């Protein structure tokens, strides 16, 4: 019965590559699990006052301005 020899061992490049792939997989899984626990990260909000006004414009009646509707300028917090 012969023991393992150096021909059967993976090279240092293969070992390093496997370790790095395992590390990247672990970090990706950690990021995914953190992200699915925080749904507020994926809520789209208007970035500027102009975007808020443009999103509120179709809801206004003719002759009405945004100054009468303060609720459109308060972003849900």
PDB file of N, CA and C in Angstrom:
ATOM      1  N   UNK A   1       0.849  -1.169   0.000  1.00  0.00           N
ATOM      2  CA  UNK A   1       0.000   0.000   0.000  1.00  0.00           C
ATOM      3  C   UNK A   1       0.901   1.241   0.000  1.00  0.00           C
ATOM      4  N   UNK A   2       0.671   2.095  -0.939  1.00  0.00           N
ATOM      5  CA  UNK A   2       1.504   3.290  -1.039  1.00  0.00           C
ATOM      6  C   UNK A   2       0.765   4.494  -0.436  1.00  0.00           C
ATOM      7  N   UNK A   3       1.512   5.373   0.141  1.00  0.00           N
ATOM      8  CA  UNK A   3       0.942   6.581   0.737  1.00  0.00           C
ATOM      9  C   UNK A   3       0.783   7.673  -0.306  1.00  0.00           C
ATOM     10  N   UNK A   4       0.159   8.771   0.084  1.00  0.00           N
ATOM     11  CA  UNK A   4      -0.006   9.890  -0.856  1.00  0.00           C
ATOM     12  C   UNK A   4       1.347  10.494  -1.211  1.00  0.00           C
ATOM     13  N   UNK A   5       1.471  10.921  -2.423  1.00  0.00           N
ATOM     14  CA  UNK A   5       2.715  11.554  -2.835  1.00  0.00           C
ATOM     15  C   UNK A   5       2.421  12.968  -3.340  1.00  0.00           C
ATOM     16  N   UNK A   6       3.445  13.667  -3.747  1.00  0.00           N
ATOM     17  CA  UNK A   6       3.291  15.058  -4.166  1.00  0.00           C
ATOM     18  C   UNK A   6       2.505  15.213  -5.463  1.00  0.00           C
ATOM     19  N   UNK A   7       2.424  14.177  -6.262  1.00  0.00           N
ATOM     20  CA  UNK A   7       1.664  14.266  -7.515  1.00  0.00           C
ATOM     21  C   UNK A   7       0.164  14.395  -7.246  1.00  0.00           C
ATOM     22  N   UNK A   8      -0.297  13.804  -6.144  1.00  0.00           N
ATOM     23  CA  UNK A   8      -1.726  13.834  -5.829  1.00  0.00           C
ATOM     24  C   UNK A   8      -2.164  15.130  -5.140  1.00  0.00           C
ATOM     25  N   UNK A   9      -1.229  15.888  -4.635  1.00  0.00           N
ATOM     26  CA  UNK A   9      -1.559  17.127  -3.944  1.00  0.00           C
ATOM     27  C   UNK A   9      -1.870  18.232  -4.941  1.00  0.00           C
ATOM     28  N   UNK A  10      -2.886  19.052  -4.640  1.00  0.00           N
ATOM     29  CA  UNK A  10      -3.127  20.208  -5.522  1.00  0.00           C
ATOM     30  C   UNK A  10      -2.015  21.240  -5.342  1.00  0.00           C
ATOM     31  N   UNK A  11      -1.750  21.974  -6.389  1.00  0.00           N
ATOM     32  CA  UNK A  11      -0.704  22.996  -6.335  1.00  0.00           C
ATOM     33  C   UNK A  11      -1.134  24.180  -5.481  1.00  0.00           C
ATOM     34  N   UNK A  12      -0.175  25.040  -5.138  1.00  0.00           N
ATOM     35  CA  UNK A  12      -0.518  26.194  -4.292  1.00  0.00           C
ATOM     36  C   UNK A  12      -1.487  27.156  -4.976  1.00  0.00           C
ATOM     37  N   UNK A  13      -1.432  27.224  -6.300  1.00  0.00           N
ATOM     38  CA  UNK A  13      -2.352  28.107  -7.019  1.00  0.00           C
ATOM     39  C   UNK A  13      -3.787  27.598  -6.909  1.00  0.00           C
ATOM     40  N   UNK A  14      -3.972  26.289  -7.001  1.00  0.00           N
ATOM     41  CA  UNK A  14      -5.312  25.720  -6.872  1.00  0.00           C
ATOM     42  C   UNK A  14      -5.866  25.914  -5.468  1.00  0.00           C
ATOM     43  N   UNK A  15      -5.019  25.753  -4.479  1.00  0.00           N
ATOM     44  CA  UNK A  15      -5.441  25.936  -3.098  1.00  0.00           C
ATOM     45  C   UNK A  15      -5.828  27.386  -2.831  1.00  0.00           C
ATOM     46  N   UNK A  16      -5.025  28.313  -3.310  1.00  0.00           N
ATOM     47  CA  UNK A  16      -5.311  29.735  -3.128  1.00  0.00           C
ATOM     48  C   UNK A  16      -6.593  30.123  -3.857  1.00  0.00           C
ATOM     49  N   UNK A  17      -6.746  29.635  -5.075  1.00  0.00           N
ATOM     50  CA  UNK A  17      -7.943  29.938  -5.859  1.00  0.00           C
ATOM     51  C   UNK A  17      -9.202  29.413  -5.159  1.00  0.00           C
ATOM     52  N   UNK A  18      -9.137  28.205  -4.649  1.00  0.00           N
ATOM     53  CA  UNK A  18     -10.278  27.638  -3.943  1.00  0.00           C
ATOM     54  C   UNK A  18     -10.615  28.406  -2.677  1.00  0.00           C
ATOM     55  N   UNK A  19      -9.590  28.821  -1.955  1.00  0.00           N
ATOM     56  CA  UNK A  19      -9.814  29.596  -0.724  1.00  0.00           C
ATOM     57  C   UNK A  19     -10.442  30.950  -1.038  1.00  0.00           C
ATOM     58  N   UNK A  20      -9.954  31.614  -2.082  1.00  0.00           N
ATOM     59  CA  UNK A  20     -10.517  32.916  -2.450  1.00  0.00           C
ATOM     60  C   UNK A  20     -11.963  32.791  -2.930  1.00  0.00           C
ATOM     61  N   UNK A  21     -12.257  31.760  -3.704  1.00  0.00           N
ATOM     62  CA  UNK A  21     -13.639  31.556  -4.148  1.00  0.00           C
ATOM     63  C   UNK A  21     -14.569  31.288  -2.968  1.00  0.00           C
ATOM     64  N   UNK A  22     -14.103  30.526  -2.005  1.00  0.00           N
ATOM     65  CA  UNK A  22     -14.897  30.247  -0.810  1.00  0.00           C
ATOM     66  C   UNK A  22     -15.114  31.523   0.002  1.00  0.00           C
ATOM     67  N   UNK A  23     -14.093  32.368   0.106  1.00  0.00           N
ATOM     68  CA  UNK A  23     -14.211  33.639   0.811  1.00  0.00           C
ATOM     69  C   UNK A  23     -15.210  34.566   0.112  1.00  0.00           C
ATOM     70  N   UNK A  24     -15.127  34.673  -1.208  1.00  0.00           N
ATOM     71  CA  UNK A  24     -16.058  35.512  -1.962  1.00  0.00           C
ATOM     72  C   UNK A  24     -17.488  34.991  -1.816  1.00  0.00           C
ATOM     73  N   UNK A  25     -17.668  33.694  -1.858  1.00  0.00           N
ATOM     74  CA  UNK A  25     -18.997  33.116  -1.663  1.00  0.00           C
ATOM     75  C   UNK A  25     -19.533  33.458  -0.276  1.00  0.00           C
ATOM     76  N   UNK A  26     -18.713  33.337   0.750  1.00  0.00           N
ATOM     77  CA  UNK A  26     -19.141  33.640   2.114  1.00  0.00           C
ATOM     78  C   UNK A  26     -19.520  35.098   2.291  1.00  0.00           C
ATOM     79  N   UNK A  27     -18.717  36.000   1.739  1.00  0.00           N
ATOM     80  CA  UNK A  27     -19.018  37.428   1.827  1.00  0.00           C
ATOM     81  C   UNK A  27     -20.291  37.756   1.060  1.00  0.00           C
ATOM     82  N   UNK A  28     -20.483  37.133  -0.107  1.00  0.00           N
ATOM     83  CA  UNK A  28     -21.705  37.356  -0.888  1.00  0.00           C
ATOM     84  C   UNK A  28     -22.938  36.876  -0.132  1.00  0.00           C
ATOM     85  N   UNK A  29     -22.853  35.732   0.498  1.00  0.00           N
ATOM     86  CA  UNK A  29     -23.989  35.226   1.275  1.00  0.00           C
ATOM     87  C   UNK A  29     -24.285  36.130   2.464  1.00  0.00           C
ATOM     88  N   UNK A  30     -23.263  36.632   3.124  1.00  0.00           N
ATOM     89  CA  UNK A  30     -23.457  37.545   4.241  1.00  0.00           C
ATOM     90  C   UNK A  30     -24.135  38.831   3.777  1.00  0.00           C
ATOM     91  N   UNK A  31     -23.685  39.389   2.659  1.00  0.00           N
ATOM     92  CA  UNK A  31     -24.301  40.609   2.117  1.00  0.00           C
ATOM     93  C   UNK A  31     -25.756  40.361   1.726  1.00  0.00           C
ATOM     94  N   UNK A  32     -26.040  39.220   1.137  1.00  0.00           N
ATOM     95  CA  UNK A  32     -27.405  38.887   0.751  1.00  0.00           C
ATOM     96  C   UNK A  32     -28.307  38.770   1.980  1.00  0.00           C
ATOM     97  N   UNK A  33     -27.840  38.071   3.000  1.00  0.00           N
ATOM     98  CA  UNK A  33     -28.651  37.892   4.205  1.00  0.00           C
ATOM     99  C   UNK A  33     -28.881  39.210   4.940  1.00  0.00           C
ATOM    100  N   UNK A  34     -27.912  40.092   4.925  1.00  0.00           N
ATOM    101  CA  UNK A  34     -28.104  41.405   5.538  1.00  0.00           C
ATOM    102  C   UNK A  34     -29.093  42.223   4.716  1.00  0.00           C
ATOM    103  N   UNK A  35     -28.979  42.170   3.394  1.00  0.00           N
ATOM    104  CA  UNK A  35     -29.836  42.969   2.524  1.00  0.00           C
ATOM    105  C   UNK A  35     -31.298  42.541   2.605  1.00  0.00           C
ATOM    106  N   UNK A  36     -31.581  41.248   2.696  1.00  0.00           N
ATOM    107  CA  UNK A  36     -32.988  40.828   2.730  1.00  0.00           C
ATOM    108  C   UNK A  36     -33.626  41.130   4.071  1.00  0.00           C
ATOM    109  N   UNK A  37     -32.823  41.438   5.062  1.00  0.00           N
ATOM    110  CA  UNK A  37     -33.367  41.805   6.372  1.00  0.00           C
ATOM    111  C   UNK A  37     -33.715  43.291   6.435  1.00  0.00           C
ATOM    112  N   UNK A  38     -33.305  44.054   5.443  1.00  0.00           N
ATOM    113  CA  UNK A  38     -33.521  45.507   5.450  1.00  0.00           C
ATOM    114  C   UNK A  38     -34.255  45.952   4.186  1.00  0.00           C
ATOM    115  N   UNK A  39     -35.567  45.777   4.135  1.00  0.00           N
ATOM    116  CA  UNK A  39     -36.316  46.150   2.927  1.00  0.00           C
ATOM    117  C   UNK A  39     -36.342  47.654   2.674  1.00  0.00           C
ATOM    118  N   UNK A  40     -36.082  48.458   3.700  1.00  0.00           N
ATOM    119  CA  UNK A  40     -36.104  49.911   3.490  1.00  0.00           C
ATOM    120  C   UNK A  40     -34.971  50.375   2.577  1.00  0.00           C
ATOM    121  N   UNK A  41     -33.955  49.554   2.375  1.00  0.00           N
ATOM    122  CA  UNK A  41     -32.881  49.908   1.451  1.00  0.00           C
ATOM    123  C   UNK A  41     -33.364  49.914   0.008  1.00  0.00           C
ATOM    124  N   UNK A  42     -34.462  49.231  -0.286  1.00  0.00           N
ATOM    125  CA  UNK A  42     -34.911  49.068  -1.663  1.00  0.00           C
ATOM    126  C   UNK A  42     -36.127  49.915  -1.997  1.00  0.00           C
ATOM    127  N   UNK A  43     -36.471  50.882  -1.148  1.00  0.00           N
ATOM    128  CA  UNK A  43     -37.592  51.773  -1.396  1.00  0.00           C
ATOM    129  C   UNK A  43     -37.068  52.972  -2.184  1.00  0.00           C
ATOM    130  N   UNK A  44     -37.689  53.247  -3.303  1.00  0.00           N
ATOM    131  CA  UNK A  44     -37.273  54.382  -4.117  1.00  0.00           C
ATOM    132  C   UNK A  44     -37.965  55.641  -3.622  1.00  0.00           C
ATOM    133  N   UNK A  45     -37.199  56.656  -3.350  1.00  0.00           N
ATOM    134  CA  UNK A  45     -37.730  57.933  -2.896  1.00  0.00           C
ATOM    135  C   UNK A  45     -37.227  59.021  -3.839  1.00  0.00           C
ATOM    136  N   UNK A  46     -38.001  60.077  -4.022  1.00  0.00           N
ATOM    137  CA  UNK A  46     -37.509  61.180  -4.850  1.00  0.00           C
ATOM    138  C   UNK A  46     -36.259  61.792  -4.227  1.00  0.00           C
ATOM    139  N   UNK A  47     -35.282  62.064  -5.051  1.00  0.00           N
ATOM    140  CA  UNK A  47     -33.999  62.542  -4.545  1.00  0.00           C
ATOM    141  C   UNK A  47     -33.972  64.054  -4.359  1.00  0.00           C
ATOM    142  N   UNK A  48     -34.781  64.797  -5.123  1.00  0.00           N
ATOM    143  CA  UNK A  48     -34.740  66.253  -5.053  1.00  0.00           C
ATOM    144  C   UNK A  48     -36.146  66.809  -4.934  1.00  0.00           C
ATOM    145  N   UNK A  49     -36.234  68.073  -4.621  1.00  0.00           N
ATOM    146  CA  UNK A  49     -37.527  68.751  -4.563  1.00  0.00           C
ATOM    147  C   UNK A  49     -38.208  68.789  -5.921  1.00  0.00           C
ATOM    148  N   UNK A  50     -37.412  68.887  -6.971  1.00  0.00           N
ATOM    149  CA  UNK A  50     -37.979  68.876  -8.319  1.00  0.00           C
ATOM    150  C   UNK A  50     -38.635  67.540  -8.614  1.00  0.00           C
ATOM    151  N   UNK A  51     -38.009  66.459  -8.213  1.00  0.00           N
ATOM    152  CA  UNK A  51     -38.579  65.135  -8.432  1.00  0.00           C
ATOM    153  C   UNK A  51     -39.870  64.957  -7.635  1.00  0.00           C
ATOM    154  N   UNK A  52     -39.916  65.509  -6.435  1.00  0.00           N
ATOM    155  CA  UNK A  52     -41.138  65.439  -5.625  1.00  0.00           C
ATOM    156  C   UNK A  52     -42.257  66.207  -6.316  1.00  0.00           C
ATOM    157  N   UNK A  53     -41.943  67.403  -6.811  1.00  0.00           N
ATOM    158  CA  UNK A  53     -42.958  68.218  -7.485  1.00  0.00           C
ATOM    159  C   UNK A  53     -43.450  67.546  -8.764  1.00  0.00           C
ATOM    160  N   UNK A  54     -42.535  66.927  -9.512  1.00  0.00           N
ATOM    161  CA  UNK A  54     -42.938  66.257 -10.750  1.00  0.00           C
ATOM    162  C   UNK A  54     -43.790  65.034 -10.464  1.00  0.00           C
ATOM    163  N   UNK A  55     -43.521  64.334  -9.380  1.00  0.00           N
ATOM    164  CA  UNK A  55     -44.341  63.172  -9.054  1.00  0.00           C
ATOM    165  C   UNK A  55     -45.707  63.580  -8.522  1.00  0.00           C
ATOM    166  N   UNK A  56     -45.810  64.787  -7.936  1.00  0.00           N
ATOM    167  CA  UNK A  56     -47.083  65.263  -7.403  1.00  0.00           C
ATOM    168  C   UNK A  56     -47.917  65.973  -8.459  1.00  0.00           C
ATOM    169  N   UNK A  57     -47.300  66.412  -9.535  1.00  0.00           N
ATOM    170  CA  UNK A  57     -47.999  67.217 -10.536  1.00  0.00           C
ATOM    171  C   UNK A  57     -49.214  66.520 -11.155  1.00  0.00           C
ATOM    172  N   UNK A  58     -49.165  65.256 -11.520  1.00  0.00           N
ATOM    173  CA  UNK A  58     -50.351  64.635 -12.127  1.00  0.00           C
ATOM    174  C   UNK A  58     -51.530  64.508 -11.166  1.00  0.00           C
ATOM    175  N   UNK A  59     -51.308  64.616  -9.879  1.00  0.00           N
ATOM    176  CA  UNK A  59     -52.368  64.456  -8.900  1.00  0.00           C
ATOM    177  C   UNK A  59     -53.074  65.770  -8.586  1.00  0.00           C
ATOM    178  N   UNK A  60     -52.549  66.892  -9.086  1.00  0.00           N
ATOM    179  CA  UNK A  60     -53.133  68.201  -8.803  1.00  0.00           C
ATOM    180  C   UNK A  60     -54.303  68.492  -9.732  1.00  0.00           C
ATOM    181  N   UNK A  61     -55.264  69.235  -9.208  1.00  0.00           N
ATOM    182  CA  UNK A  61     -56.368  69.683 -10.060  1.00  0.00           C
ATOM    183  C   UNK A  61     -55.932  70.966 -10.764  1.00  0.00           C
ATOM    184  N   UNK A  62     -56.579  71.329 -11.868  1.00  0.00           N
ATOM    185  CA  UNK A  62     -56.180  72.545 -12.586  1.00  0.00           C
ATOM    186  C   UNK A  62     -56.260  73.780 -11.690  1.00  0.00           C
ATOM    187  N   UNK A  63     -55.220  74.593 -11.722  1.00  0.00           N
ATOM    188  CA  UNK A  63     -55.164  75.810 -10.933  1.00  0.00           C
ATOM    189  C   UNK A  63     -54.604  75.613  -9.532  1.00  0.00           C
ATOM    190  N   UNK A  64     -54.394  74.399  -9.109  1.00  0.00           N
ATOM    191  CA  UNK A  64     -53.876  74.142  -7.770  1.00  0.00           C
ATOM    192  C   UNK A  64     -52.348  74.064  -7.831  1.00  0.00           C
ATOM    193  N   UNK A  65     -51.691  74.533  -6.803  1.00  0.00           N
ATOM    194  CA  UNK A  65     -50.233  74.465  -6.749  1.00  0.00           C
ATOM    195  C   UNK A  65     -49.812  73.538  -5.621  1.00  0.00           C
ATOM    196  N   UNK A  66     -48.546  73.195  -5.634  1.00  0.00           N
ATOM    197  CA  UNK A  66     -48.024  72.315  -4.591  1.00  0.00           C
ATOM    198  C   UNK A  66     -47.984  72.983  -3.222  1.00  0.00           C
ATOM    199  N   UNK A  67     -48.049  74.296  -3.173  1.00  0.00           N
ATOM    200  CA  UNK A  67     -48.006  74.970  -1.877  1.00  0.00           C
ATOM    201  C   UNK A  67     -49.248  74.646  -1.049  1.00  0.00           C
ATOM    202  N   UNK A  68     -50.352  74.256  -1.695  1.00  0.00           N
ATOM    203  CA  UNK A  68     -51.561  73.875  -0.967  1.00  0.00           C
ATOM    204  C   UNK A  68     -51.490  72.452  -0.449  1.00  0.00           C
ATOM    205  N   UNK A  69     -50.578  71.689  -0.976  1.00  0.00           N
ATOM    206  CA  UNK A  69     -50.468  70.274  -0.603  1.00  0.00           C
ATOM    207  C   UNK A  69     -49.115  70.009   0.041  1.00  0.00           C
ATOM    208  N   UNK A  70     -49.029  70.256   1.290  1.00  0.00           N
ATOM    209  CA  UNK A  70     -47.758  70.058   2.003  1.00  0.00           C
ATOM    210  C   UNK A  70     -47.416  68.576   2.158  1.00  0.00           C
ATOM    211  N   UNK A  71     -48.402  67.689   2.050  1.00  0.00           N
ATOM    212  CA  UNK A  71     -48.143  66.271   2.255  1.00  0.00           C
ATOM    213  C   UNK A  71     -47.251  65.676   1.166  1.00  0.00           C
ATOM    214  N   UNK A  72     -47.197  66.271  -0.010  1.00  0.00           N
ATOM    215  CA  UNK A  72     -46.346  65.740  -1.064  1.00  0.00           C
ATOM    216  C   UNK A  72     -44.863  66.052  -0.829  1.00  0.00           C
ATOM    217  N   UNK A  73     -44.602  67.063  -0.021  1.00  0.00           N
ATOM    218  CA  UNK A  73     -43.213  67.427   0.215  1.00  0.00           C
ATOM    219  C   UNK A  73     -42.624  66.716   1.417  1.00  0.00           C
ATOM    220  N   UNK A  74     -43.426  66.027   2.164  1.00  0.00           N
ATOM    221  CA  UNK A  74     -42.882  65.258   3.283  1.00  0.00           C
ATOM    222  C   UNK A  74     -42.644  63.834   2.819  1.00  0.00           C
ATOM    223  N   UNK A  75     -41.394  63.439   2.821  1.00  0.00           N
ATOM    224  CA  UNK A  75     -41.017  62.099   2.393  1.00  0.00           C
ATOM    225  C   UNK A  75     -41.223  61.153   3.561  1.00  0.00           C
ATOM    226  N   UNK A  76     -41.776  59.984   3.285  1.00  0.00           N
ATOM    227  CA  UNK A  76     -42.002  59.016   4.354  1.00  0.00           C
ATOM    228  C   UNK A  76     -40.696  58.651   5.008  1.00  0.00           C
ATOM    229  N   UNK A  77     -40.673  58.734   6.321  1.00  0.00           N
ATOM    230  CA  UNK A  77     -39.425  58.442   7.042  1.00  0.00           C
ATOM    231  C   UNK A  77     -39.581  57.210   7.852  1.00  0.00           C
TER     232      UNK A  77
END
